[in-house]
Amino acid sequence: MARNSRLLPDDANRPATREDLRRILGELEDPRVIDVLELHPTVADLETAAICLAGDQDVLGKEGHAVSPLANQVVDILSDDEEDDPQQR
């Protein structure tokens, strides 16, 4: 799901756009995009959420990075999407 991207530190802390969401998390249904963007995440929040959704939280822990509450909210929104989609089962 997550795209491989290299961000400059300043870029990671800027507010995420719809294009960032698509680039980092892939194509999502509009209601999910709106739900995520209404949280006003940074690009770093989306990158962290993508890592968590890929099941690689241990990588963050090894690098000493905690998952932000906002990144957790993004994961919750997108995890709900997978649970609601019978095609994903």
Protein backbone atom coordinates (compact mmCIF):
# COMPACT_ATOMS: atom_id res chain seq x y z
CA MET A 1 0.00 0.00 0.00
CA ALA A 2 2.67 2.50 1.00
CA ARG A 3 4.76 4.07 -1.69
CA ASN A 4 8.51 4.40 -1.32
CA SER A 5 9.28 8.08 -0.99
CA ARG A 6 12.17 10.13 0.26
CA LEU A 7 11.17 13.35 1.95
CA LEU A 8 13.21 16.29 3.10
CA PRO A 9 12.62 17.07 6.79
CA ASP A 10 10.74 20.28 5.94
CA ASP A 11 8.54 18.44 3.46
CA ALA A 12 7.57 15.81 6.04
CA ASN A 13 6.18 18.43 8.41
CA ARG A 14 4.01 20.28 5.94
CA PRO A 15 0.24 19.71 5.78
CA ALA A 16 -0.66 16.78 3.56
CA THR A 17 -2.61 17.30 0.36
CA ARG A 18 -4.93 14.99 -1.58
CA GLU A 19 -2.01 14.25 -3.90
CA ASP A 20 0.21 13.31 -0.94
CA LEU A 21 -2.52 10.98 0.28
CA ARG A 22 -2.72 9.27 -3.13
CA ARG A 23 1.08 9.06 -3.47
CA ILE A 24 1.66 7.64 0.02
CA LEU A 25 -1.45 5.51 0.64
CA GLY A 26 -2.66 4.76 -2.87
CA GLU A 27 -6.11 5.26 -4.33
CA LEU A 28 -8.84 5.64 -1.73
CA GLU A 29 -12.56 6.25 -1.94
CA ASP A 30 -13.51 9.93 -1.66
CA PRO A 31 -15.26 9.59 1.74
CA ARG A 32 -12.05 8.13 3.22
CA VAL A 33 -9.93 10.85 1.62
CA ILE A 34 -12.20 13.49 3.14
CA ASP A 35 -12.15 11.81 6.55
CA VAL A 36 -8.35 11.70 6.56
CA LEU A 37 -7.82 15.23 5.23
CA GLU A 38 -10.25 16.65 7.81
CA LEU A 39 -7.74 15.54 10.45
CA HIS A 40 -5.16 17.92 8.90
CA PRO A 41 -2.32 15.37 8.96
CA THR A 42 1.23 16.17 7.96
CA VAL A 43 3.05 14.22 5.28
CA ALA A 44 4.97 12.51 8.10
CA ASP A 45 1.67 11.40 9.68
CA LEU A 46 0.65 9.77 6.39
CA GLU A 47 4.04 8.10 6.00
CA THR A 48 3.79 6.72 9.54
CA ALA A 49 0.22 5.52 8.93
CA ALA A 50 1.35 3.77 5.75
CA ILE A 51 4.09 1.96 7.70
CA CYS A 52 1.55 0.87 10.32
CA LEU A 53 -0.97 -0.28 7.71
CA ALA A 54 1.75 -2.38 6.09
CA GLY A 55 2.27 -4.08 9.46
CA ASP A 56 5.73 -2.64 9.96
CA GLN A 57 5.24 -0.81 13.27
CA ASP A 58 8.24 -2.66 14.66
CA VAL A 59 10.44 -0.71 12.22
CA LEU A 60 9.29 2.53 13.81
CA GLY A 61 10.01 1.20 17.29
CA LYS A 62 13.50 0.06 16.33
CA GLU A 63 14.22 3.54 14.98
CA GLY A 64 12.91 5.15 18.17
CA HIS A 65 9.86 6.73 16.51
CA ALA A 66 6.52 6.72 18.26
CA VAL A 67 3.31 6.65 16.25
CA SER A 68 1.56 9.99 16.65
CA PRO A 69 -2.08 10.09 17.76
CA LEU A 70 -2.97 11.64 14.40
CA ALA A 71 -1.25 8.84 12.47
CA ASN A 72 -3.20 6.37 14.63
CA GLN A 73 -6.44 8.12 13.66
CA VAL A 74 -5.52 7.79 9.96
CA VAL A 75 -4.84 4.07 10.51
CA ASP A 76 -8.22 3.70 12.25
CA ILE A 77 -10.05 5.39 9.37
CA LEU A 78 -8.36 3.27 6.74
CA SER A 79 -8.63 0.07 8.77
CA ASP A 80 -12.38 0.64 9.07
CA ASP A 81 -12.43 0.90 5.28
CA GLU A 82 -10.83 -2.55 4.94
CA GLU A 83 -13.24 -4.10 7.45
CA ASP A 84 -16.24 -2.63 5.63
CA ASP A 85 -15.10 -3.92 2.22
CA PRO A 86 -16.10 -7.57 1.73
CA GLN A 87 -13.70 -7.75 -1.29
CA GLN A 88 -10.77 -7.34 1.15
CA ARG A 89 -11.60 -10.58 3.04
